[in-house]
Amino acid sequence: MKRKGFTLIEMLVVIAIISTLLALLYGALDRSRKFSKRVIVFTEMKNLEAAFRQYYAHYHCWPTNELATTKITVSGTSGATGDDEGFAINELIGKLLRGVNESQAEANWRFNPEMIPFIEFSRLRNGIPVNAFSAREPSETLRAYKVLFDTNGDHQLTVSKDPDMPNFSTNIIADIAIWTIIPGTRKGTSNQEDQNDTVPDEVVGTWDKFSVK
């Protein structure tokens, strides 16, 4: 008599093969999704840099951190006078860059009196421009974009004093730096390393070269 159907062993082998293929497919999709989000983050930071430069070209000054709830002030290099100033982009600063003012009573009105739209953000969380890795209910500044301006005129910036990444610091030659915090990339390959519960967040900024990791 001809055998009909699968034996138990054959069925288990087929299930194992399908599970392996699905695991490989899921890993590829997950890497592709993270790569796409990184592309979005780098693109948005470059767009923000261009928006601030357009603001400077029009008003001949950088936006003050008077509107910021999270201010960043970093001492300049030796020989420079004054400090470099910046902030985490909050709702008011987002409105300033978008040229949105519900009324002239809003504090941001006088910093963009002509209501020029310098940029349009692709996503807002509680009115705050955030990066593509933002959860639905992020902390106030964890996934927000942050900026530091060369306000002391030495053409150097020390990016540090980020309240969400207090141990991070880097020196760059620029008049503006924009950065944000994204989930870290797991670099381990062993089973023990892959079982780590958390991967540290990482800082990405306009001073970085785009990475495909």
C-alpha atoms as a PDB file:
ATOM      1  CA  MET A   1       0.000   0.000   0.000  1.00  0.00           C
ATOM      2  CA  LYS A   2       1.150   3.537  -0.789  1.00  0.00           C
ATOM      3  CA  ARG A   3       1.884   5.686   2.231  1.00  0.00           C
ATOM      4  CA  LYS A   4      -0.297   8.767   2.654  1.00  0.00           C
ATOM      5  CA  GLY A   5       0.663  11.967   4.526  1.00  0.00           C
ATOM      6  CA  PHE A   6       3.743  12.770   6.586  1.00  0.00           C
ATOM      7  CA  THR A   7       5.312  10.747   9.328  1.00  0.00           C
ATOM      8  CA  LEU A   8       5.886  12.493  12.641  1.00  0.00           C
ATOM      9  CA  ILE A   9       9.627  12.821  11.954  1.00  0.00           C
ATOM     10  CA  GLU A  10       9.038  14.350   8.536  1.00  0.00           C
ATOM     11  CA  MET A  11       6.551  16.823   9.956  1.00  0.00           C
ATOM     12  CA  LEU A  12       8.988  17.883  12.692  1.00  0.00           C
ATOM     13  CA  VAL A  13      11.729  18.362  10.107  1.00  0.00           C
ATOM     14  CA  VAL A  14       9.448  20.564   7.987  1.00  0.00           C
ATOM     15  CA  ILE A  15       8.442  22.619  11.048  1.00  0.00           C
ATOM     16  CA  ALA A  16      12.101  23.073  12.005  1.00  0.00           C
ATOM     17  CA  ILE A  17      13.010  24.254   8.491  1.00  0.00           C
ATOM     18  CA  ILE A  18      10.091  26.693   8.391  1.00  0.00           C
ATOM     19  CA  SER A  19      10.984  28.037  11.855  1.00  0.00           C
ATOM     20  CA  THR A  20      14.598  28.601  10.789  1.00  0.00           C
ATOM     21  CA  LEU A  21      13.525  30.421   7.639  1.00  0.00           C
ATOM     22  CA  LEU A  22      11.091  32.590   9.604  1.00  0.00           C
ATOM     23  CA  ALA A  23      13.805  33.458  12.147  1.00  0.00           C
ATOM     24  CA  LEU A  24      16.181  34.485   9.350  1.00  0.00           C
ATOM     25  CA  LEU A  25      13.429  36.498   7.671  1.00  0.00           C
ATOM     26  CA  TYR A  26      12.479  38.242  10.919  1.00  0.00           C
ATOM     27  CA  GLY A  27      16.105  39.184  11.582  1.00  0.00           C
ATOM     28  CA  ALA A  28      16.467  40.619   8.077  1.00  0.00           C
ATOM     29  CA  LEU A  29      13.213  42.568   8.403  1.00  0.00           C
ATOM     30  CA  ASP A  30      14.204  43.897  11.821  1.00  0.00           C
ATOM     31  CA  ARG A  31      17.593  45.071  10.513  1.00  0.00           C
ATOM     32  CA  SER A  32      15.903  46.624   7.491  1.00  0.00           C
ATOM     33  CA  ARG A  33      13.414  48.475   9.716  1.00  0.00           C
ATOM     34  CA  LYS A  34      16.173  49.842  11.965  1.00  0.00           C
ATOM     35  CA  PHE A  35      18.242  50.851   8.949  1.00  0.00           C
ATOM     36  CA  SER A  36      15.265  52.731   7.490  1.00  0.00           C
ATOM     37  CA  LYS A  37      14.738  54.578  10.771  1.00  0.00           C
ATOM     38  CA  ARG A  38      18.414  55.537  10.926  1.00  0.00           C
ATOM     39  CA  VAL A  39      18.152  56.953   7.404  1.00  0.00           C
ATOM     40  CA  ILE A  40      15.120  58.997   8.480  1.00  0.00           C
ATOM     41  CA  VAL A  41      16.945  60.303  11.581  1.00  0.00           C
ATOM     42  CA  PHE A  42      20.015  61.424   9.630  1.00  0.00           C
ATOM     43  CA  THR A  43      17.841  63.046   6.969  1.00  0.00           C
ATOM     44  CA  GLU A  44      15.803  64.929   9.582  1.00  0.00           C
ATOM     45  CA  MET A  45      18.939  66.169  11.345  1.00  0.00           C
ATOM     46  CA  LYS A  46      20.326  67.511   8.056  1.00  0.00           C
ATOM     47  CA  ASN A  47      16.975  69.173   7.346  1.00  0.00           C
ATOM     48  CA  LEU A  48      17.044  70.748  10.811  1.00  0.00           C
ATOM     49  CA  GLU A  49      20.570  72.009  10.223  1.00  0.00           C
ATOM     50  CA  ALA A  50      19.456  73.574   6.943  1.00  0.00           C
ATOM     51  CA  ALA A  51      16.433  75.161   8.666  1.00  0.00           C
ATOM     52  CA  PHE A  52      18.562  76.763  11.384  1.00  0.00           C
ATOM     53  CA  ARG A  53      21.023  78.032   8.777  1.00  0.00           C
ATOM     54  CA  GLN A  54      18.152  79.592   6.834  1.00  0.00           C
ATOM     55  CA  TYR A  55      16.932  81.177  10.070  1.00  0.00           C
ATOM     56  CA  TYR A  56      20.421  82.607  10.681  1.00  0.00           C
ATOM     57  CA  ALA A  57      20.684  83.874   7.096  1.00  0.00           C
ATOM     58  CA  HIS A  58      17.349  85.684   7.435  1.00  0.00           C
ATOM     59  CA  TYR A  59      17.490  87.042  10.989  1.00  0.00           C
ATOM     60  CA  HIS A  60      21.316  87.225  11.338  1.00  0.00           C
ATOM     61  CA  CYS A  61      21.289  85.395  14.654  1.00  0.00           C
ATOM     62  CA  TRP A  62      20.647  81.954  16.090  1.00  0.00           C
ATOM     63  CA  PRO A  63      17.395  81.279  17.968  1.00  0.00           C
ATOM     64  CA  THR A  64      17.870  82.068  21.620  1.00  0.00           C
ATOM     65  CA  ASN A  65      17.448  79.357  24.241  1.00  0.00           C
ATOM     66  CA  GLU A  66      15.003  81.615  26.076  1.00  0.00           C
ATOM     67  CA  LEU A  67      12.150  79.426  24.768  1.00  0.00           C
ATOM     68  CA  ALA A  68      13.785  76.158  25.816  1.00  0.00           C
ATOM     69  CA  THR A  69      12.762  74.058  28.774  1.00  0.00           C
ATOM     70  CA  THR A  70      16.007  72.057  28.491  1.00  0.00           C
ATOM     71  CA  LYS A  71      18.913  74.456  27.936  1.00  0.00           C
ATOM     72  CA  ILE A  72      22.429  73.362  27.026  1.00  0.00           C
ATOM     73  CA  THR A  73      25.329  75.708  27.823  1.00  0.00           C
ATOM     74  CA  VAL A  74      28.902  74.582  27.200  1.00  0.00           C
ATOM     75  CA  SER A  75      32.034  76.579  27.986  1.00  0.00           C
ATOM     76  CA  GLY A  76      34.057  77.575  24.938  1.00  0.00           C
ATOM     77  CA  THR A  77      37.625  76.576  24.173  1.00  0.00           C
ATOM     78  CA  SER A  78      40.541  78.388  25.739  1.00  0.00           C
ATOM     79  CA  GLY A  79      40.793  81.939  24.466  1.00  0.00           C
ATOM     80  CA  ALA A  80      37.119  82.157  23.518  1.00  0.00           C
ATOM     81  CA  THR A  81      34.836  84.618  25.219  1.00  0.00           C
ATOM     82  CA  GLY A  82      31.445  83.440  26.390  1.00  0.00           C
ATOM     83  CA  ASP A  83      29.775  80.058  26.111  1.00  0.00           C
ATOM     84  CA  ASP A  84      28.138  78.112  23.323  1.00  0.00           C
ATOM     85  CA  GLU A  85      24.389  77.769  23.826  1.00  0.00           C
ATOM     86  CA  GLY A  86      21.736  75.358  22.658  1.00  0.00           C
ATOM     87  CA  PHE A  87      18.643  73.442  23.674  1.00  0.00           C
ATOM     88  CA  ALA A  88      16.414  70.441  23.182  1.00  0.00           C
ATOM     89  CA  ILE A  89      13.791  71.312  20.583  1.00  0.00           C
ATOM     90  CA  ASN A  90      10.483  71.580  22.400  1.00  0.00           C
ATOM     91  CA  GLU A  91       6.972  72.500  21.289  1.00  0.00           C
ATOM     92  CA  LEU A  92       7.580  76.281  21.220  1.00  0.00           C
ATOM     93  CA  ILE A  93      10.796  75.977  19.222  1.00  0.00           C
ATOM     94  CA  GLY A  94       9.089  73.529  16.878  1.00  0.00           C
ATOM     95  CA  LYS A  95       6.378  76.122  16.260  1.00  0.00           C
ATOM     96  CA  LEU A  96       9.018  78.789  15.729  1.00  0.00           C
ATOM     97  CA  LEU A  97      10.701  76.744  12.991  1.00  0.00           C
ATOM     98  CA  ARG A  98       7.363  75.885  11.388  1.00  0.00           C
ATOM     99  CA  GLY A  99       6.218  79.490  11.430  1.00  0.00           C
ATOM    100  CA  VAL A 100       3.166  78.544  13.481  1.00  0.00           C
ATOM    101  CA  ASN A 101       1.732  81.005  15.995  1.00  0.00           C
ATOM    102  CA  GLU A 102      -1.754  80.692  17.382  1.00  0.00           C
ATOM    103  CA  SER A 103      -1.529  84.268  18.651  1.00  0.00           C
ATOM    104  CA  GLN A 104       0.999  87.055  19.140  1.00  0.00           C
ATOM    105  CA  ALA A 105       0.743  86.375  22.853  1.00  0.00           C
ATOM    106  CA  GLU A 106       2.807  83.210  22.378  1.00  0.00           C
ATOM    107  CA  ALA A 107       6.403  83.640  23.475  1.00  0.00           C
ATOM    108  CA  ASN A 108       7.851  82.312  20.226  1.00  0.00           C
ATOM    109  CA  TRP A 109       6.146  84.976  18.095  1.00  0.00           C
ATOM    110  CA  ARG A 110       8.849  87.613  18.526  1.00  0.00           C
ATOM    111  CA  PHE A 111      11.614  85.169  17.517  1.00  0.00           C
ATOM    112  CA  ASN A 112      10.017  84.568  14.106  1.00  0.00           C
ATOM    113  CA  PRO A 113       7.839  87.681  13.641  1.00  0.00           C
ATOM    114  CA  GLU A 114       7.478  87.109   9.899  1.00  0.00           C
ATOM    115  CA  MET A 115       6.179  83.578  10.606  1.00  0.00           C
ATOM    116  CA  ILE A 116       8.455  82.035   7.977  1.00  0.00           C
ATOM    117  CA  PRO A 117       8.102  78.220   7.716  1.00  0.00           C
ATOM    118  CA  PHE A 118      11.702  76.982   7.790  1.00  0.00           C
ATOM    119  CA  ILE A 119      10.822  73.291   8.115  1.00  0.00           C
ATOM    120  CA  GLU A 120       7.899  70.879   8.390  1.00  0.00           C
ATOM    121  CA  PHE A 121       8.306  68.007  10.834  1.00  0.00           C
ATOM    122  CA  SER A 122       7.226  64.505   9.860  1.00  0.00           C
ATOM    123  CA  ARG A 123       6.135  63.560  13.391  1.00  0.00           C
ATOM    124  CA  LEU A 124       5.294  65.251  16.657  1.00  0.00           C
ATOM    125  CA  ARG A 125       4.778  63.699  20.093  1.00  0.00           C
ATOM    126  CA  ASN A 126       2.922  65.985  22.478  1.00  0.00           C
ATOM    127  CA  GLY A 127       3.851  68.782  20.089  1.00  0.00           C
ATOM    128  CA  ILE A 128       7.590  67.982  20.335  1.00  0.00           C
ATOM    129  CA  PRO A 129       9.575  67.061  17.186  1.00  0.00           C
ATOM    130  CA  VAL A 130      11.029  63.604  17.839  1.00  0.00           C
ATOM    131  CA  ASN A 131      13.108  61.067  15.949  1.00  0.00           C
ATOM    132  CA  ALA A 132      11.843  57.959  14.178  1.00  0.00           C
ATOM    133  CA  PHE A 133      12.615  55.677  17.162  1.00  0.00           C
ATOM    134  CA  SER A 134      10.268  57.561  19.486  1.00  0.00           C
ATOM    135  CA  ALA A 135       7.699  55.568  21.393  1.00  0.00           C
ATOM    136  CA  ARG A 136       4.137  56.805  21.714  1.00  0.00           C
ATOM    137  CA  GLU A 137       4.829  58.183  25.178  1.00  0.00           C
ATOM    138  CA  PRO A 138       8.512  59.240  25.241  1.00  0.00           C
ATOM    139  CA  SER A 139      10.241  61.079  28.031  1.00  0.00           C
ATOM    140  CA  GLU A 140      10.406  64.811  27.546  1.00  0.00           C
ATOM    141  CA  THR A 141      13.750  64.900  25.719  1.00  0.00           C
ATOM    142  CA  LEU A 142      15.025  61.318  25.232  1.00  0.00           C
ATOM    143  CA  ARG A 143      14.096  61.091  21.527  1.00  0.00           C
ATOM    144  CA  ALA A 144      13.907  64.826  20.878  1.00  0.00           C
ATOM    145  CA  TYR A 145      16.416  66.617  18.670  1.00  0.00           C
ATOM    146  CA  LYS A 146      19.012  68.796  20.360  1.00  0.00           C
ATOM    147  CA  VAL A 147      21.128  71.614  18.958  1.00  0.00           C
ATOM    148  CA  LEU A 148      24.190  73.582  19.998  1.00  0.00           C
ATOM    149  CA  PHE A 149      25.240  76.857  18.351  1.00  0.00           C
ATOM    150  CA  ASP A 150      28.663  78.483  18.141  1.00  0.00           C
ATOM    151  CA  THR A 151      27.591  81.637  19.956  1.00  0.00           C
ATOM    152  CA  ASN A 152      31.087  82.596  21.154  1.00  0.00           C
ATOM    153  CA  GLY A 153      32.546  82.747  17.629  1.00  0.00           C
ATOM    154  CA  ASP A 154      35.464  80.310  17.988  1.00  0.00           C
ATOM    155  CA  HIS A 155      34.070  77.917  15.317  1.00  0.00           C
ATOM    156  CA  GLN A 156      34.417  74.984  17.707  1.00  0.00           C
ATOM    157  CA  LEU A 157      31.786  73.092  19.627  1.00  0.00           C
ATOM    158  CA  THR A 158      31.996  70.701  22.556  1.00  0.00           C
ATOM    159  CA  VAL A 159      28.852  68.601  22.473  1.00  0.00           C
ATOM    160  CA  SER A 160      28.267  67.514  26.062  1.00  0.00           C
ATOM    161  CA  LYS A 161      26.023  68.093  29.061  1.00  0.00           C
ATOM    162  CA  ASP A 162      23.162  66.220  27.419  1.00  0.00           C
ATOM    163  CA  PRO A 163      20.893  65.422  30.384  1.00  0.00           C
ATOM    164  CA  ASP A 164      19.886  62.111  28.768  1.00  0.00           C
ATOM    165  CA  MET A 165      23.507  61.043  28.029  1.00  0.00           C
ATOM    166  CA  PRO A 166      25.574  62.727  30.771  1.00  0.00           C
ATOM    167  CA  ASN A 167      28.769  60.781  29.987  1.00  0.00           C
ATOM    168  CA  PHE A 168      28.833  61.654  26.283  1.00  0.00           C
ATOM    169  CA  SER A 169      31.208  64.311  24.967  1.00  0.00           C
ATOM    170  CA  THR A 170      32.780  65.114  21.603  1.00  0.00           C
ATOM    171  CA  ASN A 171      34.617  68.075  20.096  1.00  0.00           C
ATOM    172  CA  ILE A 172      33.908  69.241  16.558  1.00  0.00           C
ATOM    173  CA  ILE A 173      34.791  72.149  14.295  1.00  0.00           C
ATOM    174  CA  ALA A 174      31.442  73.629  13.272  1.00  0.00           C
ATOM    175  CA  ASP A 175      29.087  76.499  13.970  1.00  0.00           C
ATOM    176  CA  ILE A 176      26.074  74.263  14.603  1.00  0.00           C
ATOM    177  CA  ALA A 177      25.648  70.690  15.807  1.00  0.00           C
ATOM    178  CA  ILE A 178      22.441  68.665  15.978  1.00  0.00           C
ATOM    179  CA  TRP A 179      22.070  65.300  17.639  1.00  0.00           C
ATOM    180  CA  THR A 180      19.560  62.878  19.068  1.00  0.00           C
ATOM    181  CA  ILE A 181      19.517  59.583  20.958  1.00  0.00           C
ATOM    182  CA  ILE A 182      18.518  56.309  19.346  1.00  0.00           C
ATOM    183  CA  PRO A 183      18.477  52.690  20.573  1.00  0.00           C
ATOM    184  CA  GLY A 184      21.910  51.094  20.447  1.00  0.00           C
ATOM    185  CA  THR A 185      22.867  48.366  18.020  1.00  0.00           C
ATOM    186  CA  ARG A 186      23.674  44.961  19.495  1.00  0.00           C
ATOM    187  CA  LYS A 187      27.229  44.055  18.519  1.00  0.00           C
ATOM    188  CA  GLY A 188      27.570  40.710  20.296  1.00  0.00           C
ATOM    189  CA  THR A 189      27.327  37.427  18.404  1.00  0.00           C
ATOM    190  CA  SER A 190      27.692  34.832  21.157  1.00  0.00           C
ATOM    191  CA  ASN A 191      24.670  33.375  22.877  1.00  0.00           C
ATOM    192  CA  GLN A 192      25.685  34.935  26.184  1.00  0.00           C
ATOM    193  CA  GLU A 193      25.946  38.421  24.668  1.00  0.00           C
ATOM    194  CA  ASP A 194      22.699  38.014  22.773  1.00  0.00           C
ATOM    195  CA  GLN A 195      20.934  37.297  26.062  1.00  0.00           C
ATOM    196  CA  ASN A 196      21.723  40.750  27.481  1.00  0.00           C
ATOM    197  CA  ASP A 197      18.529  42.440  28.616  1.00  0.00           C
ATOM    198  CA  THR A 198      19.450  45.937  27.445  1.00  0.00           C
ATOM    199  CA  VAL A 199      21.635  47.618  24.847  1.00  0.00           C
ATOM    200  CA  PRO A 200      22.833  51.137  25.717  1.00  0.00           C
ATOM    201  CA  ASP A 201      21.369  54.015  23.758  1.00  0.00           C
ATOM    202  CA  GLU A 202      23.721  55.866  21.428  1.00  0.00           C
ATOM    203  CA  VAL A 203      24.124  59.466  20.309  1.00  0.00           C
ATOM    204  CA  VAL A 204      24.039  60.242  16.586  1.00  0.00           C
ATOM    205  CA  GLY A 205      24.778  63.710  15.275  1.00  0.00           C
ATOM    206  CA  THR A 206      25.348  65.764  12.179  1.00  0.00           C
ATOM    207  CA  TRP A 207      29.097  65.357  12.709  1.00  0.00           C
ATOM    208  CA  ASP A 208      28.851  61.587  12.143  1.00  0.00           C
ATOM    209  CA  LYS A 209      29.247  59.786   8.852  1.00  0.00           C
ATOM    210  CA  PHE A 210      26.165  57.775   8.025  1.00  0.00           C
ATOM    211  CA  SER A 211      26.509  54.188   9.206  1.00  0.00           C
ATOM    212  CA  VAL A 212      24.621  51.179   7.889  1.00  0.00           C
ATOM    213  CA  LYS A 213      25.033  49.180  11.102  1.00  0.00           C
END
